[in-house]
Amino acid sequence: MKCKNGGIHFGTLAMHYSRYRYQQTAGSPPVPTVCLTESQSADIIMKLEDILQPYGDSCLDYRSVDGKIGVVPVADMWKADYTITAGNNRHLDVRRIGASELIKSRMINKDQSLSTALQWNNVHCDPPLEEDDVKAGFYKYSIPFTEKMLRKRAEEKAKLERMQQETRENQKIEILNTATKATLQRPSSPLLKGYNDDFFEYLIDLAGKTVKQEDVLLRQINYTTLSN
């Protein structure tokens, strides 16, 4: 971490390029500890989500190697026995509830979504957040987050529809080509056996047996004759 007043600080246990870790030596000043409020923690998580979303990743939907989810699913947050206490990021949960309601209503009734978030806060947060805190998080984070999610879903839907349309068009072309080939197919003839049912090749070979000319010249003569 580059400091404002000069110098660079490395966090304890940070890895040096030599593969050795930095350590705090005896006599060095104590390592400062930064404590964030619940609201600040929620702000950081939502900002991190904004960074990850364009890359198709998410810290809210994160699943570990063993399948465990990083955060409690919204569906479980509605269970009667679910309670989140102070110090466990009540702000984030309330904002997620607000965003979930906005997504379900497709942003049609923002006031109703906010009212639902306020009710959830009073029932499931211990103690409940101040109403102003819930409203601030709703307007600053829940609404912008929902707008991005709905826009992303609309883009994905449009992309899927374009792919499906292209698939249908390709299928039509393939069917048309198959039908055309079947319509133009000539019945095979014993005379054309060995010529891949190609009458022109048969004609060249037949002419070559009676006319002492190269096949290339015979082809040119036949092309000229048939084209007139």
Foldseek 3Di string as FASTA:
>chain_A
DADPVGDDDDDFQDADPVRDTDHDDPPDDDDDDDDDALLVVLVVQLVVQVVCVVVVDHLQQDADPVGDGNDDDLVVLPDQPAADEGPRNPLNNLLVQLLVVCLVVVVPDSPVSLVVSQVSQVRHYVNRDDSVSSVVSNVPRSVVVNVVVVVVVVVVVVVVVVVVVVVVVVVVVVVVVVVVCVVPDDDADPLCVVVVSDVVVSVLVVVVVVDVDDSVVVNVVVVVVVVD
